[in-house]
Amino acid sequence: MICDTIEEFATALPRAGAVAGLDLGTKTIGVAVSDGLRSVATPLLTIRREKFTLDAEKLLEIITGRALTGIVLGLPRNMDGSEGPRCQSTRAFARNLEKLTPLPISFWDERLSTVAAERAMLEADLSRRARAERIDHVAAGFILQGALDRLGYLGRADG
């Protein structure tokens, strides 16, 4: 089930349970996961992209193994908010993934998430090599944390 808004996603999720955040690149997929209360995003790993069926298999292994309840995909909008070819590719990935899992899937604006991830790793004084190895899943963590913060706000607004 693809949810066009985070509000729709919030209503599709069970009350508790961890969710995944994905940063889809052309060569890699950064993966982050939340805690069961959906308050903290933790960068997990980076998957080297091959073809969709293999990528999806790896993702579904993580989803099943961690009993995740939803998926948030970073949506790479242009700086003016418009959607270009990368957004179309992300939406196509979501449509294909939707066929393989009953979990709700939503999108989160990922503008500047990689910049924020790079800045955080520079502040942590990581080497260039360490940053290169971690950038995608750290960016996924920023994407997921943004979505979690919004979900938390929506939960407070409802209650």
N, C-alpha and C. Protein backbone atom coordinates (compact mmCIF):
# COMPACT_ATOMS: atom_id res chain seq x y z
N MET A 1 0.84 -1.18 0.00
CA MET A 1 0.00 0.00 0.00
C MET A 1 0.89 1.24 0.00
N ILE A 2 0.78 2.05 -1.04
CA ILE A 2 1.56 3.28 -1.12
C ILE A 2 0.72 4.43 -0.56
N CYS A 3 1.30 5.12 0.39
CA CYS A 3 0.66 6.27 1.02
C CYS A 3 1.32 7.53 0.47
N ASP A 4 0.54 8.39 -0.13
CA ASP A 4 1.11 9.60 -0.74
C ASP A 4 1.55 10.63 0.28
N THR A 5 0.95 10.61 1.47
CA THR A 5 1.33 11.57 2.51
C THR A 5 1.75 10.82 3.77
N ILE A 6 2.50 11.49 4.61
CA ILE A 6 2.92 10.89 5.87
C ILE A 6 1.72 10.73 6.81
N GLU A 7 0.71 11.57 6.63
CA GLU A 7 -0.52 11.46 7.43
C GLU A 7 -1.25 10.16 7.09
N GLU A 8 -1.33 9.86 5.80
CA GLU A 8 -1.94 8.60 5.34
C GLU A 8 -1.14 7.40 5.87
N PHE A 9 0.18 7.53 5.82
CA PHE A 9 1.08 6.50 6.33
C PHE A 9 0.83 6.25 7.81
N ALA A 10 0.67 7.33 8.57
CA ALA A 10 0.44 7.22 10.01
C ALA A 10 -0.81 6.41 10.31
N THR A 11 -1.87 6.60 9.53
CA THR A 11 -3.10 5.85 9.77
C THR A 11 -3.00 4.40 9.32
N ALA A 12 -2.09 4.12 8.37
CA ALA A 12 -1.92 2.75 7.86
C ALA A 12 -1.03 1.89 8.77
N LEU A 13 -0.23 2.55 9.61
CA LEU A 13 0.68 1.82 10.49
C LEU A 13 -0.02 1.27 11.73
N PRO A 14 0.46 0.13 12.24
CA PRO A 14 -0.04 -0.31 13.54
C PRO A 14 0.43 0.68 14.61
N ARG A 15 -0.14 0.61 15.81
CA ARG A 15 0.20 1.55 16.87
C ARG A 15 1.69 1.55 17.24
N ALA A 16 2.32 0.40 17.16
CA ALA A 16 3.74 0.30 17.52
C ALA A 16 4.44 -0.60 16.52
N GLY A 17 5.74 -0.51 16.52
CA GLY A 17 6.54 -1.34 15.62
C GLY A 17 7.50 -0.50 14.82
N ALA A 18 8.68 -1.02 14.62
CA ALA A 18 9.74 -0.32 13.92
C ALA A 18 9.43 -0.15 12.43
N VAL A 19 10.01 0.88 11.85
CA VAL A 19 9.88 1.12 10.41
C VAL A 19 11.27 1.29 9.81
N ALA A 20 11.34 1.13 8.49
CA ALA A 20 12.61 1.28 7.77
C ALA A 20 12.60 2.60 7.01
N GLY A 21 13.79 3.17 6.85
CA GLY A 21 13.98 4.33 6.00
C GLY A 21 14.98 3.96 4.93
N LEU A 22 14.70 4.32 3.68
CA LEU A 22 15.59 3.97 2.58
C LEU A 22 16.03 5.21 1.81
N ASP A 23 17.31 5.26 1.52
CA ASP A 23 17.87 6.29 0.66
C ASP A 23 18.29 5.59 -0.63
N LEU A 24 17.46 5.73 -1.67
CA LEU A 24 17.71 5.04 -2.93
C LEU A 24 18.65 5.84 -3.81
N GLY A 25 19.77 5.23 -4.12
CA GLY A 25 20.69 5.83 -5.06
C GLY A 25 20.73 4.97 -6.32
N THR A 26 21.48 5.40 -7.30
CA THR A 26 21.58 4.60 -8.52
C THR A 26 22.46 3.38 -8.32
N LYS A 27 23.43 3.47 -7.38
CA LYS A 27 24.34 2.35 -7.15
C LYS A 27 24.16 1.67 -5.80
N THR A 28 23.50 2.36 -4.86
CA THR A 28 23.34 1.81 -3.51
C THR A 28 21.97 2.15 -2.94
N ILE A 29 21.61 1.42 -1.87
CA ILE A 29 20.42 1.72 -1.09
C ILE A 29 20.87 1.81 0.36
N GLY A 30 20.75 3.00 0.93
CA GLY A 30 21.04 3.17 2.35
C GLY A 30 19.83 2.73 3.15
N VAL A 31 20.05 1.99 4.23
CA VAL A 31 18.95 1.47 5.04
C VAL A 31 19.14 1.93 6.49
N ALA A 32 18.07 2.46 7.06
CA ALA A 32 18.03 2.81 8.48
C ALA A 32 16.77 2.18 9.06
N VAL A 33 16.78 1.94 10.36
CA VAL A 33 15.60 1.39 11.04
C VAL A 33 15.32 2.20 12.29
N SER A 34 14.06 2.16 12.72
CA SER A 34 13.69 2.86 13.94
C SER A 34 13.57 1.86 15.08
N ASP A 35 13.44 2.40 16.27
CA ASP A 35 13.09 1.55 17.41
C ASP A 35 11.59 1.27 17.34
N GLY A 36 11.11 0.37 18.18
CA GLY A 36 9.71 -0.02 18.15
C GLY A 36 8.73 1.09 18.48
N LEU A 37 9.19 2.10 19.23
CA LEU A 37 8.32 3.22 19.58
C LEU A 37 8.38 4.34 18.53
N ARG A 38 9.20 4.13 17.52
CA ARG A 38 9.35 5.07 16.41
C ARG A 38 9.82 6.45 16.85
N SER A 39 10.81 6.47 17.74
CA SER A 39 11.33 7.77 18.16
C SER A 39 12.75 8.03 17.64
N VAL A 40 13.54 6.97 17.44
CA VAL A 40 14.93 7.15 17.03
C VAL A 40 15.24 6.31 15.78
N ALA A 41 15.86 6.97 14.80
CA ALA A 41 16.31 6.28 13.58
C ALA A 41 17.78 5.91 13.75
N THR A 42 18.12 4.69 13.37
CA THR A 42 19.50 4.23 13.45
C THR A 42 19.96 3.76 12.07
N PRO A 43 21.03 4.36 11.53
CA PRO A 43 21.58 3.88 10.26
C PRO A 43 21.98 2.41 10.41
N LEU A 44 21.64 1.58 9.44
CA LEU A 44 21.89 0.14 9.55
C LEU A 44 22.99 -0.33 8.60
N LEU A 45 22.75 -0.21 7.30
CA LEU A 45 23.71 -0.71 6.32
C LEU A 45 23.42 -0.13 4.96
N THR A 46 24.35 -0.37 4.05
CA THR A 46 24.19 0.04 2.66
C THR A 46 24.20 -1.19 1.78
N ILE A 47 23.21 -1.28 0.92
CA ILE A 47 23.09 -2.40 -0.02
C ILE A 47 23.62 -1.93 -1.37
N ARG A 48 24.54 -2.69 -1.95
CA ARG A 48 25.03 -2.43 -3.31
C ARG A 48 23.94 -2.86 -4.27
N ARG A 49 23.46 -1.95 -5.09
CA ARG A 49 22.36 -2.28 -6.01
C ARG A 49 22.83 -3.21 -7.11
N GLU A 50 21.95 -4.16 -7.43
CA GLU A 50 22.20 -5.07 -8.55
C GLU A 50 21.02 -4.92 -9.50
N LYS A 51 20.04 -5.81 -9.38
CA LYS A 51 18.80 -5.62 -10.13
C LYS A 51 17.68 -5.63 -9.10
N PHE A 52 16.51 -5.13 -9.49
CA PHE A 52 15.44 -4.94 -8.52
C PHE A 52 15.13 -6.19 -7.72
N THR A 53 15.01 -7.35 -8.38
CA THR A 53 14.62 -8.56 -7.64
C THR A 53 15.62 -8.91 -6.54
N LEU A 54 16.91 -8.74 -6.80
CA LEU A 54 17.92 -9.02 -5.78
C LEU A 54 17.92 -7.96 -4.68
N ASP A 55 17.76 -6.71 -5.08
CA ASP A 55 17.69 -5.62 -4.10
C ASP A 55 16.49 -5.82 -3.18
N ALA A 56 15.34 -6.13 -3.77
CA ALA A 56 14.11 -6.32 -2.99
C ALA A 56 14.25 -7.52 -2.06
N GLU A 57 14.89 -8.57 -2.52
CA GLU A 57 15.10 -9.76 -1.69
C GLU A 57 15.89 -9.40 -0.43
N LYS A 58 16.94 -8.61 -0.59
CA LYS A 58 17.76 -8.19 0.56
C LYS A 58 16.94 -7.31 1.50
N LEU A 59 16.16 -6.40 0.93
CA LEU A 59 15.33 -5.52 1.76
C LEU A 59 14.27 -6.32 2.52
N LEU A 60 13.64 -7.25 1.84
CA LEU A 60 12.59 -8.05 2.48
C LEU A 60 13.15 -8.94 3.59
N GLU A 61 14.40 -9.38 3.43
CA GLU A 61 15.07 -10.14 4.50
C GLU A 61 15.20 -9.28 5.75
N ILE A 62 15.62 -8.04 5.56
CA ILE A 62 15.77 -7.11 6.69
C ILE A 62 14.40 -6.83 7.31
N ILE A 63 13.42 -6.56 6.47
CA ILE A 63 12.07 -6.23 6.94
C ILE A 63 11.49 -7.38 7.75
N THR A 64 11.62 -8.59 7.24
CA THR A 64 11.09 -9.77 7.93
C THR A 64 11.89 -10.05 9.20
N GLY A 65 13.20 -10.03 9.09
CA GLY A 65 14.06 -10.34 10.22
C GLY A 65 13.88 -9.40 11.39
N ARG A 66 13.53 -8.16 11.10
CA ARG A 66 13.37 -7.15 12.16
C ARG A 66 11.90 -6.87 12.45
N ALA A 67 10.99 -7.60 11.83
CA ALA A 67 9.54 -7.43 12.03
C ALA A 67 9.13 -5.97 11.85
N LEU A 68 9.60 -5.35 10.77
CA LEU A 68 9.27 -3.95 10.51
C LEU A 68 7.82 -3.81 10.08
N THR A 69 7.24 -2.62 10.35
CA THR A 69 5.82 -2.41 10.10
C THR A 69 5.53 -1.41 8.99
N GLY A 70 6.56 -0.78 8.42
CA GLY A 70 6.35 0.19 7.36
C GLY A 70 7.68 0.59 6.74
N ILE A 71 7.61 1.27 5.59
CA ILE A 71 8.81 1.65 4.83
C ILE A 71 8.66 3.11 4.40
N VAL A 72 9.69 3.89 4.65
CA VAL A 72 9.74 5.28 4.20
C VAL A 72 10.87 5.41 3.19
N LEU A 73 10.53 5.89 2.00
CA LEU A 73 11.53 6.10 0.95
C LEU A 73 11.84 7.58 0.85
N GLY A 74 13.12 7.91 0.80
CA GLY A 74 13.50 9.29 0.57
C GLY A 74 13.10 9.69 -0.84
N LEU A 75 12.42 10.82 -0.97
CA LEU A 75 11.98 11.30 -2.28
C LEU A 75 12.88 12.46 -2.68
N PRO A 76 13.73 12.24 -3.70
CA PRO A 76 14.74 13.24 -4.07
C PRO A 76 14.20 14.37 -4.94
N ARG A 77 13.42 15.24 -4.31
CA ARG A 77 12.87 16.39 -5.03
C ARG A 77 13.99 17.35 -5.42
N ASN A 78 13.71 18.15 -6.44
CA ASN A 78 14.63 19.22 -6.82
C ASN A 78 14.54 20.31 -5.75
N MET A 79 15.52 21.19 -5.70
CA MET A 79 15.53 22.23 -4.67
C MET A 79 14.31 23.14 -4.73
N ASP A 80 13.69 23.28 -5.91
CA ASP A 80 12.48 24.11 -6.02
C ASP A 80 11.21 23.33 -5.66
N GLY A 81 11.38 22.06 -5.24
CA GLY A 81 10.23 21.24 -4.83
C GLY A 81 9.63 20.41 -5.95
N SER A 82 10.07 20.63 -7.17
CA SER A 82 9.52 19.86 -8.30
C SER A 82 10.11 18.44 -8.30
N GLU A 83 9.48 17.58 -9.06
CA GLU A 83 9.94 16.20 -9.16
C GLU A 83 10.54 15.94 -10.53
N GLY A 84 11.74 15.38 -10.53
CA GLY A 84 12.43 15.06 -11.76
C GLY A 84 12.51 13.56 -11.96
N PRO A 85 13.42 13.11 -12.82
CA PRO A 85 13.57 11.69 -13.14
C PRO A 85 13.91 10.81 -11.92
N ARG A 86 14.68 11.34 -10.97
CA ARG A 86 15.02 10.53 -9.78
C ARG A 86 13.78 10.25 -8.93
N CYS A 87 12.87 11.22 -8.86
CA CYS A 87 11.61 10.99 -8.13
C CYS A 87 10.77 9.93 -8.83
N GLN A 88 10.73 10.01 -10.16
CA GLN A 88 9.98 9.02 -10.93
C GLN A 88 10.55 7.62 -10.68
N SER A 89 11.87 7.52 -10.63
CA SER A 89 12.52 6.25 -10.38
C SER A 89 12.18 5.73 -8.97
N THR A 90 12.17 6.62 -7.98
CA THR A 90 11.82 6.23 -6.61
C THR A 90 10.38 5.76 -6.54
N ARG A 91 9.48 6.46 -7.19
CA ARG A 91 8.06 6.07 -7.19
C ARG A 91 7.87 4.71 -7.89
N ALA A 92 8.63 4.48 -8.96
CA ALA A 92 8.57 3.18 -9.66
C ALA A 92 9.07 2.07 -8.74
N PHE A 93 10.16 2.33 -8.00
CA PHE A 93 10.69 1.37 -7.04
C PHE A 93 9.61 1.03 -6.01
N ALA A 94 8.92 2.06 -5.51
CA ALA A 94 7.86 1.85 -4.52
C ALA A 94 6.73 0.99 -5.10
N ARG A 95 6.33 1.25 -6.33
CA ARG A 95 5.26 0.45 -6.97
C ARG A 95 5.68 -1.01 -7.10
N ASN A 96 6.93 -1.24 -7.46
CA ASN A 96 7.42 -2.62 -7.59
C ASN A 96 7.52 -3.30 -6.22
N LEU A 97 7.97 -2.56 -5.22
CA LEU A 97 8.10 -3.11 -3.87
C LEU A 97 6.72 -3.41 -3.27
N GLU A 98 5.76 -2.57 -3.59
CA GLU A 98 4.39 -2.74 -3.10
C GLU A 98 3.82 -4.10 -3.50
N LYS A 99 4.23 -4.61 -4.64
CA LYS A 99 3.75 -5.92 -5.12
C LYS A 99 4.30 -7.07 -4.29
N LEU A 100 5.38 -6.81 -3.52
CA LEU A 100 6.06 -7.87 -2.78
C LEU A 100 5.80 -7.85 -1.27
N THR A 101 5.20 -6.77 -0.77
CA THR A 101 4.97 -6.66 0.67
C THR A 101 3.64 -5.96 0.95
N PRO A 102 2.95 -6.39 2.00
CA PRO A 102 1.70 -5.73 2.37
C PRO A 102 1.93 -4.47 3.21
N LEU A 103 3.19 -4.20 3.58
CA LEU A 103 3.49 -3.07 4.45
C LEU A 103 3.19 -1.74 3.77
N PRO A 104 2.74 -0.76 4.57
CA PRO A 104 2.56 0.58 4.00
C PRO A 104 3.91 1.18 3.62
N ILE A 105 3.92 1.88 2.50
CA ILE A 105 5.11 2.53 1.98
C ILE A 105 4.79 4.01 1.81
N SER A 106 5.68 4.87 2.27
CA SER A 106 5.46 6.30 2.10
C SER A 106 6.75 6.96 1.66
N PHE A 107 6.67 8.27 1.45
CA PHE A 107 7.81 9.04 0.97
C PHE A 107 8.11 10.17 1.94
N TRP A 108 9.38 10.58 1.99
CA TRP A 108 9.78 11.72 2.79
C TRP A 108 10.76 12.54 1.98
N ASP A 109 10.54 13.82 1.92
CA ASP A 109 11.39 14.74 1.17
C ASP A 109 12.83 14.62 1.69
N GLU A 110 13.72 14.20 0.83
CA GLU A 110 15.09 13.96 1.27
C GLU A 110 16.05 15.08 0.91
N ARG A 111 15.54 16.22 0.47
CA ARG A 111 16.44 17.32 0.11
C ARG A 111 17.40 17.62 1.25
N LEU A 112 18.64 17.68 0.94
CA LEU A 112 19.73 18.01 1.85
C LEU A 112 20.05 16.94 2.90
N SER A 113 19.43 15.76 2.82
CA SER A 113 19.74 14.70 3.79
C SER A 113 21.19 14.24 3.65
N THR A 114 21.68 14.14 2.43
CA THR A 114 23.07 13.71 2.24
C THR A 114 24.03 14.79 2.73
N VAL A 115 23.67 16.05 2.54
CA VAL A 115 24.49 17.15 3.03
C VAL A 115 24.56 17.09 4.56
N ALA A 116 23.41 16.88 5.20
CA ALA A 116 23.36 16.79 6.67
C ALA A 116 24.17 15.60 7.16
N ALA A 117 24.07 14.47 6.47
CA ALA A 117 24.81 13.27 6.85
C ALA A 117 26.32 13.52 6.73
N GLU A 118 26.72 14.14 5.64
CA GLU A 118 28.14 14.45 5.43
C GLU A 118 28.65 15.38 6.53
N ARG A 119 27.87 16.40 6.85
CA ARG A 119 28.26 17.35 7.89
C ARG A 119 28.41 16.65 9.25
N ALA A 120 27.46 15.78 9.57
CA ALA A 120 27.53 15.05 10.85
C ALA A 120 28.77 14.17 10.92
N MET A 121 29.09 13.53 9.81
CA MET A 121 30.27 12.65 9.82
C MET A 121 31.57 13.45 9.85
N LEU A 122 31.58 14.64 9.25
CA LEU A 122 32.75 15.51 9.33
C LEU A 122 32.95 15.97 10.78
N GLU A 123 31.85 16.32 11.44
CA GLU A 123 31.92 16.73 12.84
C GLU A 123 32.40 15.59 13.73
N ALA A 124 32.10 14.35 13.33
CA ALA A 124 32.55 13.18 14.09
C ALA A 124 33.99 12.82 13.72
N ASP A 125 34.58 13.61 12.82
CA ASP A 125 35.97 13.44 12.42
C ASP A 125 36.25 12.09 11.77
N LEU A 126 35.29 11.61 10.97
CA LEU A 126 35.50 10.36 10.24
C LEU A 126 36.37 10.62 9.01
N SER A 127 37.17 9.65 8.67
CA SER A 127 38.03 9.77 7.49
C SER A 127 37.17 9.79 6.22
N ARG A 128 37.76 10.24 5.14
CA ARG A 128 37.04 10.28 3.86
C ARG A 128 36.54 8.88 3.50
N ARG A 129 37.37 7.88 3.72
CA ARG A 129 36.98 6.50 3.40
C ARG A 129 35.80 6.05 4.26
N ALA A 130 35.86 6.34 5.55
CA ALA A 130 34.77 5.96 6.46
C ALA A 130 33.48 6.67 6.07
N ARG A 131 33.59 7.95 5.69
CA ARG A 131 32.40 8.69 5.26
C ARG A 131 31.81 8.07 4.00
N ALA A 132 32.66 7.71 3.04
CA ALA A 132 32.18 7.12 1.79
C ALA A 132 31.45 5.80 2.03
N GLU A 133 31.94 5.02 3.00
CA GLU A 133 31.30 3.73 3.30
C GLU A 133 29.97 3.90 4.00
N ARG A 134 29.78 5.00 4.72
CA ARG A 134 28.60 5.16 5.57
C ARG A 134 27.57 6.16 5.05
N ILE A 135 27.93 6.99 4.09
CA ILE A 135 27.09 8.12 3.71
C ILE A 135 25.65 7.72 3.38
N ASP A 136 25.45 6.64 2.67
CA ASP A 136 24.10 6.28 2.24
C ASP A 136 23.20 5.85 3.40
N HIS A 137 23.71 5.03 4.31
CA HIS A 137 22.83 4.62 5.41
C HIS A 137 22.71 5.71 6.48
N VAL A 138 23.69 6.60 6.58
CA VAL A 138 23.54 7.74 7.48
C VAL A 138 22.48 8.70 6.90
N ALA A 139 22.51 8.91 5.59
CA ALA A 139 21.48 9.73 4.94
C ALA A 139 20.09 9.11 5.14
N ALA A 140 20.01 7.78 5.04
CA ALA A 140 18.74 7.09 5.29
C ALA A 140 18.26 7.35 6.72
N GLY A 141 19.21 7.44 7.65
CA GLY A 141 18.86 7.76 9.04
C GLY A 141 18.26 9.15 9.16
N PHE A 142 18.83 10.13 8.43
CA PHE A 142 18.26 11.48 8.45
C PHE A 142 16.87 11.50 7.83
N ILE A 143 16.68 10.78 6.74
CA ILE A 143 15.37 10.70 6.10
C ILE A 143 14.35 10.10 7.07
N LEU A 144 14.72 8.97 7.66
CA LEU A 144 13.80 8.29 8.58
C LEU A 144 13.52 9.14 9.81
N GLN A 145 14.54 9.81 10.35
CA GLN A 145 14.31 10.62 11.55
C GLN A 145 13.33 11.75 11.27
N GLY A 146 13.43 12.36 10.09
CA GLY A 146 12.47 13.40 9.72
C GLY A 146 11.05 12.87 9.70
N ALA A 147 10.88 11.69 9.10
CA ALA A 147 9.55 11.07 9.05
C ALA A 147 9.07 10.70 10.45
N LEU A 148 9.96 10.16 11.28
CA LEU A 148 9.59 9.78 12.65
C LEU A 148 9.17 11.00 13.46
N ASP A 149 9.89 12.10 13.30
CA ASP A 149 9.54 13.32 14.02
C ASP A 149 8.14 13.78 13.63
N ARG A 150 7.84 13.70 12.34
CA ARG A 150 6.51 14.10 11.87
C ARG A 150 5.44 13.13 12.39
N LEU A 151 5.72 11.84 12.36
CA LEU A 151 4.77 10.85 12.89
C LEU A 151 4.52 11.10 14.38
N GLY A 152 5.58 11.42 15.11
CA GLY A 152 5.43 11.71 16.54
C GLY A 152 4.57 12.93 16.77
N TYR A 153 4.76 13.96 15.94
CA TYR A 153 3.95 15.16 16.05
C TYR A 153 2.48 14.85 15.75
N LEU A 154 2.25 14.06 14.71
CA LEU A 154 0.87 13.68 14.37
C LEU A 154 0.21 12.90 15.50
N GLY A 155 0.99 12.01 16.15
CA GLY A 155 0.47 11.24 17.27
C GLY A 155 0.07 12.12 18.44
N ARG A 156 0.88 13.16 18.71
CA ARG A 156 0.57 14.10 19.79
C ARG A 156 -0.64 14.95 19.43
N ALA A 157 -0.75 15.31 18.14
CA ALA A 157 -1.86 16.15 17.69
C ALA A 157 -3.18 15.40 17.81
N ASP A 158 -3.12 14.07 17.58
CA ASP A 158 -4.34 13.26 17.68
C ASP A 158 -4.79 13.09 19.12
N GLY A 159 -3.82 12.95 20.03
CA GLY A 159 -4.12 12.60 21.40
C GLY A 159 -4.40 13.75 22.22
